C-alpha atoms as a PDB file:
ATOM      1  CA  MET A   1       6.279  10.714  10.786  1.00  0.00           C
ATOM      2  CA  LYS A   2       3.072  12.219  10.965  1.00  0.00           C
ATOM      3  CA  LYS A   3       0.162  10.022  11.510  1.00  0.00           C
ATOM      4  CA  LEU A   4      -2.975  10.872   9.080  1.00  0.00           C
ATOM      5  CA  ALA A   5      -6.390   9.856   9.793  1.00  0.00           C
ATOM      6  CA  LEU A   6      -8.147   8.537   7.199  1.00  0.00           C
ATOM      7  CA  GLY A   7     -11.831   7.938   6.568  1.00  0.00           C
ATOM      8  CA  ILE A   8     -11.587   4.425   4.946  1.00  0.00           C
ATOM      9  CA  PHE A   9     -15.057   3.639   3.858  1.00  0.00           C
ATOM     10  CA  SER A  10     -14.200   5.078   0.650  1.00  0.00           C
ATOM     11  CA  LEU A  11     -10.562   6.075   0.152  1.00  0.00           C
ATOM     12  CA  LEU A  12      -9.500   5.900  -3.519  1.00  0.00           C
ATOM     13  CA  VAL A  13      -5.987   5.756  -4.341  1.00  0.00           C
ATOM     14  CA  ALA A  14      -3.984   7.219  -7.597  1.00  0.00           C
ATOM     15  CA  PHE A  15      -1.121   5.156  -8.316  1.00  0.00           C
ATOM     16  CA  GLY A  16       1.213   5.745 -11.257  1.00  0.00           C
ATOM     17  CA  LEU A  17       4.548   4.699 -11.688  1.00  0.00           C
ATOM     18  CA  VAL A  18       6.891   4.660 -14.524  1.00  0.00           C
ATOM     19  CA  LEU A  19       9.672   2.337 -15.224  1.00  0.00           C
ATOM     20  CA  GLY A  20      12.996   3.143 -15.827  1.00  0.00           C
ATOM     21  CA  ALA A  21      16.366   1.633 -16.759  1.00  0.00           C
ATOM     22  CA  GLY A  22      19.513   0.542 -14.863  1.00  0.00           C
ATOM     23  CA  ALA A  23      20.996  -1.646 -12.402  1.00  0.00           C
ATOM     24  CA  ASN A  24      20.075   0.113  -9.277  1.00  0.00           C
ATOM     25  CA  PHE A  25      18.164   2.991  -8.253  1.00  0.00           C
ATOM     26  CA  ARG A  26      21.154   5.543  -8.847  1.00  0.00           C
ATOM     27  CA  ASP A  27      21.157   4.622 -12.344  1.00  0.00           C
ATOM     28  CA  TYR A  28      17.694   5.134 -13.318  1.00  0.00           C
ATOM     29  CA  ASN A  29      16.446   7.659 -15.953  1.00  0.00           C
ATOM     30  CA  ALA A  30      12.732   8.138 -15.771  1.00  0.00           C
ATOM     31  CA  SER A  31      10.978   9.665 -12.737  1.00  0.00           C
ATOM     32  CA  ARG A  32       9.215   7.679 -10.147  1.00  0.00           C
ATOM     33  CA  SER A  33       6.558   8.528  -7.756  1.00  0.00           C
ATOM     34  CA  VAL A  34       3.509   6.931  -6.538  1.00  0.00           C
ATOM     35  CA  HIS A  35       0.686   9.309  -4.762  1.00  0.00           C
ATOM     36  CA  TRP A  36      -2.364   8.318  -2.923  1.00  0.00           C
ATOM     37  CA  SER A  37      -5.117  11.216  -2.372  1.00  0.00           C
ATOM     38  CA  ILE A  38      -6.087  10.925   1.102  1.00  0.00           C
ATOM     39  CA  VAL A  39      -9.969  11.464   1.060  1.00  0.00           C
ATOM     40  CA  PRO A  40     -11.597  12.312   4.715  1.00  0.00           C
ATOM     41  CA  ASP A  41     -14.864  10.868   5.842  1.00  0.00           C
ATOM     42  CA  ASP A  42     -16.782  11.365   9.168  1.00  0.00           C
ATOM     43  CA  ASN A  43     -16.436   7.534  10.248  1.00  0.00           C
ATOM     44  CA  GLU A  44     -12.857   7.268  10.423  1.00  0.00           C
ATOM     45  CA  LEU A  45     -11.573   4.064  11.373  1.00  0.00           C
ATOM     46  CA  ILE A  46      -7.976   3.863  10.645  1.00  0.00           C
ATOM     47  CA  ASP A  47      -4.475   5.783  10.580  1.00  0.00           C
ATOM     48  CA  LEU A  48      -2.331   5.290   7.763  1.00  0.00           C
ATOM     49  CA  THR A  49       1.466   6.054   8.632  1.00  0.00           C
ATOM     50  CA  PRO A  50       4.668   5.703   6.077  1.00  0.00           C
ATOM     51  CA  LEU A  51       7.120   3.463   7.150  1.00  0.00           C
ATOM     52  CA  GLN A  52      10.075   4.055   4.757  1.00  0.00           C
ATOM     53  CA  PRO A  53      12.194   7.017   3.655  1.00  0.00           C
ATOM     54  CA  TYR A  54      10.781   6.315  -0.092  1.00  0.00           C
ATOM     55  CA  ALA A  55       7.064   6.554   1.503  1.00  0.00           C
ATOM     56  CA  TYR A  56       5.955  10.066   2.949  1.00  0.00           C
ATOM     57  CA  ILE A  57       3.065  12.236   3.552  1.00  0.00           C
ATOM     58  CA  ASP A  58       3.415  15.454   1.542  1.00  0.00           C
ATOM     59  CA  ASN A  59       2.676  18.367   3.984  1.00  0.00           C
ATOM     60  CA  GLU A  60       1.203  20.740   1.407  1.00  0.00           C
ATOM     61  CA  THR A  61      -1.142  18.517  -0.341  1.00  0.00           C
ATOM     62  CA  GLY A  62      -1.842  15.735   2.498  1.00  0.00           C
ATOM     63  CA  VAL A  63      -1.148  12.916   0.138  1.00  0.00           C
ATOM     64  CA  LEU A  64       0.976   9.777   0.671  1.00  0.00           C
ATOM     65  CA  VAL A  65       3.887   9.408  -1.876  1.00  0.00           C
ATOM     66  CA  ILE A  66       5.891   6.737  -2.430  1.00  0.00           C
ATOM     67  CA  ASP A  67       8.644   7.891  -4.483  1.00  0.00           C
ATOM     68  CA  PHE A  68      11.742   6.499  -5.863  1.00  0.00           C
ATOM     69  CA  SER A  69      12.937   9.679  -7.894  1.00  0.00           C
ATOM     70  CA  ASP A  70      15.594  12.077  -7.148  1.00  0.00           C
ATOM     71  CA  ASP A  71      12.710  14.583  -6.280  1.00  0.00           C
ATOM     72  CA  ASN A  72      12.073  12.325  -3.318  1.00  0.00           C
ATOM     73  CA  PRO A  73      12.797  14.854  -0.309  1.00  0.00           C
ATOM     74  CA  ASN A  74      14.427  11.900   1.909  1.00  0.00           C
ATOM     75  CA  TYR A  75      16.708  10.806  -0.960  1.00  0.00           C
ATOM     76  CA  PRO A  76      17.481  14.137  -2.834  1.00  0.00           C
ATOM     77  CA  GLY A  77      19.481  13.668  -5.950  1.00  0.00           C
ATOM     78  CA  TYR A  78      19.268   9.702  -5.730  1.00  0.00           C
ATOM     79  CA  GLY A  79      17.476   7.432  -7.650  1.00  0.00           C
ATOM     80  CA  SER A  80      15.048   7.654 -10.868  1.00  0.00           C
ATOM     81  CA  GLY A  81      12.850   4.496 -10.787  1.00  0.00           C
ATOM     82  CA  ILE A  82      12.584   0.727 -10.936  1.00  0.00           C
ATOM     83  CA  SER A  83      14.229  -1.070 -13.259  1.00  0.00           C
ATOM     84  CA  PRO A  84      12.354  -2.980 -16.060  1.00  0.00           C
ATOM     85  CA  ALA A  85      12.338  -7.057 -16.313  1.00  0.00           C
ATOM     86  CA  SER A  86      12.511  -7.024 -12.532  1.00  0.00           C
ATOM     87  CA  GLU A  87      10.805  -7.633  -9.470  1.00  0.00           C
ATOM     88  CA  TYR A  88      10.948  -5.559  -6.231  1.00  0.00           C
ATOM     89  CA  ASN A  89       9.628  -6.214  -2.908  1.00  0.00           C
ATOM     90  CA  PHE A  90       9.212  -3.861  -0.038  1.00  0.00           C
ATOM     91  CA  ASP A  91       8.196  -5.458   3.435  1.00  0.00           C
ATOM     92  CA  GLU A  92       6.974  -2.467   5.114  1.00  0.00           C
ATOM     93  CA  VAL A  93       5.862   0.417   2.935  1.00  0.00           C
ATOM     94  CA  PHE A  94       3.206   1.550   5.176  1.00  0.00           C
ATOM     95  CA  GLU A  95       0.890   0.595   8.221  1.00  0.00           C
ATOM     96  CA  VAL A  96      -2.746   0.778   8.779  1.00  0.00           C
ATOM     97  CA  SER A  97      -3.349   1.243  12.410  1.00  0.00           C
ATOM     98  CA  ASN A  98      -6.637   1.108  14.688  1.00  0.00           C
ATOM     99  CA  ASP A  99      -5.659   4.087  17.171  1.00  0.00           C
ATOM    100  CA  LEU A 100      -9.150   6.014  16.445  1.00  0.00           C
ATOM    101  CA  TRP A 101     -11.547   3.629  17.984  1.00  0.00           C
ATOM    102  CA  GLU A 102     -11.366   1.981  21.164  1.00  0.00           C
ATOM    103  CA  ASN A 103     -12.657  -1.518  21.953  1.00  0.00           C
ATOM    104  CA  LEU A 104     -13.464  -1.804  18.188  1.00  0.00           C
ATOM    105  CA  THR A 105     -11.873  -4.202  16.133  1.00  0.00           C
ATOM    106  CA  ILE A 106     -11.789  -3.451  12.144  1.00  0.00           C
ATOM    107  CA  VAL A 107     -11.352  -5.566   9.150  1.00  0.00           C
ATOM    108  CA  VAL A 108      -9.440  -3.936   6.424  1.00  0.00           C
ATOM    109  CA  ARG A 109      -9.308  -4.520   2.380  1.00  0.00           C
ATOM    110  CA  ILE A 110      -6.988  -3.364   0.233  1.00  0.00           C
ATOM    111  CA  THR A 111      -7.225  -3.701  -3.474  1.00  0.00           C
ATOM    112  CA  SER A 112      -5.303  -2.562  -6.832  1.00  0.00           C
ATOM    113  CA  ASN A 113      -6.783  -2.917 -10.416  1.00  0.00           C
ATOM    114  CA  ASN A 114      -3.270  -3.894 -11.538  1.00  0.00           C
ATOM    115  CA  SER A 115      -1.455  -7.405 -11.030  1.00  0.00           C
ATOM    116  CA  HIS A 116       1.919  -5.138 -11.307  1.00  0.00           C
ATOM    117  CA  VAL A 117       1.069  -3.808  -7.826  1.00  0.00           C
ATOM    118  CA  GLU A 118       0.320  -6.392  -5.030  1.00  0.00           C
ATOM    119  CA  PHE A 119       0.022  -6.672  -1.363  1.00  0.00           C
ATOM    120  CA  TYR A 120       1.292  -8.468   1.623  1.00  0.00           C
ATOM    121  CA  GLY A 121       2.077  -8.729   5.131  1.00  0.00           C
ATOM    122  CA  HIS A 122       5.449 -10.240   6.014  1.00  0.00           C
ATOM    123  CA  GLU A 123       4.118 -10.681   9.795  1.00  0.00           C
ATOM    124  CA  GLY A 124       1.702 -13.411   8.520  1.00  0.00           C
ATOM    125  CA  ASN A 125      -1.401 -11.246   9.309  1.00  0.00           C
ATOM    126  CA  VAL A 126      -2.547 -10.478   5.836  1.00  0.00           C
ATOM    127  CA  HIS A 127      -4.773 -12.828   3.951  1.00  0.00           C
ATOM    128  CA  LYS A 128      -6.099 -13.057   0.130  1.00  0.00           C
ATOM    129  CA  VAL A 129      -9.740 -12.015  -0.367  1.00  0.00           C
ATOM    130  CA  ALA A 130     -10.349 -14.842  -3.091  1.00  0.00           C
ATOM    131  CA  ASN A 131      -9.503 -18.052  -0.510  1.00  0.00           C
ATOM    132  CA  GLY A 132      -8.269 -16.648   2.646  1.00  0.00           C
ATOM    133  CA  ALA A 133      -4.717 -17.858   2.170  1.00  0.00           C
ATOM    134  CA  ILE A 134      -1.922 -15.957   3.948  1.00  0.00           C
ATOM    135  CA  ALA A 135      -0.320 -13.449   1.792  1.00  0.00           C
ATOM    136  CA  SER A 136       3.071 -13.107   3.902  1.00  0.00           C
ATOM    137  CA  SER A 137       5.600 -12.646   0.588  1.00  0.00           C
ATOM    138  CA  SER A 138       5.961 -11.445  -2.710  1.00  0.00           C
ATOM    139  CA  ASP A 139       5.455 -15.204  -3.631  1.00  0.00           C
ATOM    140  CA  THR A 140       2.337 -15.198  -2.032  1.00  0.00           C
ATOM    141  CA  ALA A 141       1.207 -11.563  -2.512  1.00  0.00           C
ATOM    142  CA  ASP A 142      -1.899 -10.584  -4.336  1.00  0.00           C
ATOM    143  CA  LYS A 143      -4.054  -7.507  -5.509  1.00  0.00           C
ATOM    144  CA  ASP A 144      -6.860  -7.809  -3.170  1.00  0.00           C
ATOM    145  CA  VAL A 145      -6.099  -8.544   0.399  1.00  0.00           C
ATOM    146  CA  CYS A 146      -7.785  -7.944   3.554  1.00  0.00           C
ATOM    147  CA  PHE A 147      -6.969  -8.424   7.516  1.00  0.00           C
ATOM    148  CA  VAL A 148      -7.961  -7.597  11.056  1.00  0.00           C
ATOM    149  CA  VAL A 149      -6.604  -4.980  13.137  1.00  0.00           C
ATOM    150  CA  GLU A 150      -7.447  -4.969  16.640  1.00  0.00           C
ATOM    151  CA  PRO A 151      -7.989  -1.766  18.687  1.00  0.00           C
ATOM    152  CA  GLY A 152      -4.482  -0.284  19.449  1.00  0.00           C
ATOM    153  CA  ASP A 153      -2.541  -2.894  17.062  1.00  0.00           C
ATOM    154  CA  ALA A 154      -1.297  -1.694  13.605  1.00  0.00           C
ATOM    155  CA  VAL A 155      -0.598  -4.016  10.539  1.00  0.00           C
ATOM    156  CA  LYS A 156       2.342  -3.560   8.344  1.00  0.00           C
ATOM    157  CA  ILE A 157       1.576  -3.665   4.507  1.00  0.00           C
ATOM    158  CA  GLY A 158       4.284  -4.633   1.911  1.00  0.00           C
ATOM    159  CA  LEU A 159       4.121  -3.879  -1.784  1.00  0.00           C
ATOM    160  CA  ASP A 160       5.466  -6.509  -4.434  1.00  0.00           C
ATOM    161  CA  LEU A 161       6.114  -4.545  -7.878  1.00  0.00           C
ATOM    162  CA  SER A 162       6.639  -6.703 -10.700  1.00  0.00           C
ATOM    163  CA  ALA A 163       7.989  -5.079 -14.119  1.00  0.00           C
ATOM    164  CA  ASN A 164       8.554  -8.445 -15.973  1.00  0.00           C
ATOM    165  CA  GLY A 165       7.730  -7.674 -19.717  1.00  0.00           C
ATOM    166  CA  ASP A 166       7.996  -3.828 -19.240  1.00  0.00           C
ATOM    167  CA  LEU A 167      10.315  -1.536 -21.081  1.00  0.00           C
ATOM    168  CA  PRO A 168      11.976   1.567 -19.878  1.00  0.00           C
ATOM    169  CA  GLY A 169       9.381   4.498 -20.231  1.00  0.00           C
ATOM    170  CA  ASP A 170       6.535   2.352 -19.690  1.00  0.00           C
ATOM    171  CA  GLU A 171       3.965   4.007 -17.182  1.00  0.00           C
ATOM    172  CA  TRP A 172       1.569   2.110 -15.017  1.00  0.00           C
ATOM    173  CA  ASN A 173      -1.909   3.947 -14.046  1.00  0.00           C
ATOM    174  CA  VAL A 174      -2.812   1.900 -10.769  1.00  0.00           C
ATOM    175  CA  ALA A 175      -5.969   2.623  -8.838  1.00  0.00           C
ATOM    176  CA  MET A 176      -5.892   1.164  -5.440  1.00  0.00           C
ATOM    177  CA  SER A 177      -8.592   1.652  -2.703  1.00  0.00           C
ATOM    178  CA  ILE A 178      -8.725   1.043   1.142  1.00  0.00           C
ATOM    179  CA  LYS A 179     -11.762   0.138   2.971  1.00  0.00           C
ATOM    180  CA  ALA A 180     -12.396  -0.624   6.610  1.00  0.00           C
ATOM    181  CA  TYR A 181     -15.463  -1.998   8.451  1.00  0.00           C
ATOM    182  CA  ARG A 182     -16.240  -2.584  11.994  1.00  0.00           C
ATOM    183  CA  LEU A 183     -15.956  -6.567  12.579  1.00  0.00           C
ATOM    184  CA  GLY A 184     -19.278  -8.062  11.925  1.00  0.00           C
ATOM    185  CA  THR A 185     -20.284  -5.449   9.294  1.00  0.00           C
ATOM    186  CA  GLU A 186     -17.822  -6.496   6.750  1.00  0.00           C
ATOM    187  CA  PRO A 187     -19.414  -7.789   3.355  1.00  0.00           C
ATOM    188  CA  ALA A 188     -19.987 -11.526   2.729  1.00  0.00           C
ATOM    189  CA  ALA A 189     -16.819 -11.988   0.370  1.00  0.00           C
ATOM    190  CA  LEU A 190     -14.913 -10.867   3.391  1.00  0.00           C
ATOM    191  CA  VAL A 191     -16.487 -12.869   6.119  1.00  0.00           C
ATOM    192  CA  GLY A 192     -13.967 -15.557   7.306  1.00  0.00           C
ATOM    193  CA  LYS A 193     -11.062 -14.791   4.937  1.00  0.00           C
ATOM    194  CA  CYS A 194      -9.303 -11.955   6.843  1.00  0.00           C
ATOM    195  CA  GLY A 195      -8.102 -13.790  10.171  1.00  0.00           C
ATOM    196  CA  GLN A 196     -11.262 -13.104  12.060  1.00  0.00           C
ATOM    197  CA  PRO A 197     -11.745 -14.668  15.542  1.00  0.00           C
END
């Protein structure tokens, strides 16, 4: 998959998701996709790379898309969403890598404005901003996480999608932001909570 350099001092992500009905992806009725708008910046610190067939960068728009619908070019004709009253966990949806700057460690923060969409790192290197606890599974996922990425390394990000209490046809409009800081310049709220050395 194509790597896309991102300016991450202020990347705003538009995240829309509609809940469908059914027992598996093939049986759902509603269209599903998640779109991240890529906002370039002169101070690019990271690369963002999709890791799953349902996650891809649209070649025409430059937008990162997570799509569970039958419009997904990697799964044409299959799947129409996620089921209501359910929870889905995807361990490695995309990765954040530090390939653009040599000898520069970065601290990355990812937030969601909706508890239906939370983040974790199944490799144990993603932390909750609130208390620094590790967010390594769906049970410990959080809508505000942070982590450290050393030069040349990457951190895989998982998604926890919780449709508990939702009905077929319900829609989520979720904003997600990703911000990166050079180690030592991160805001006070992140100091000592993201796995910094």
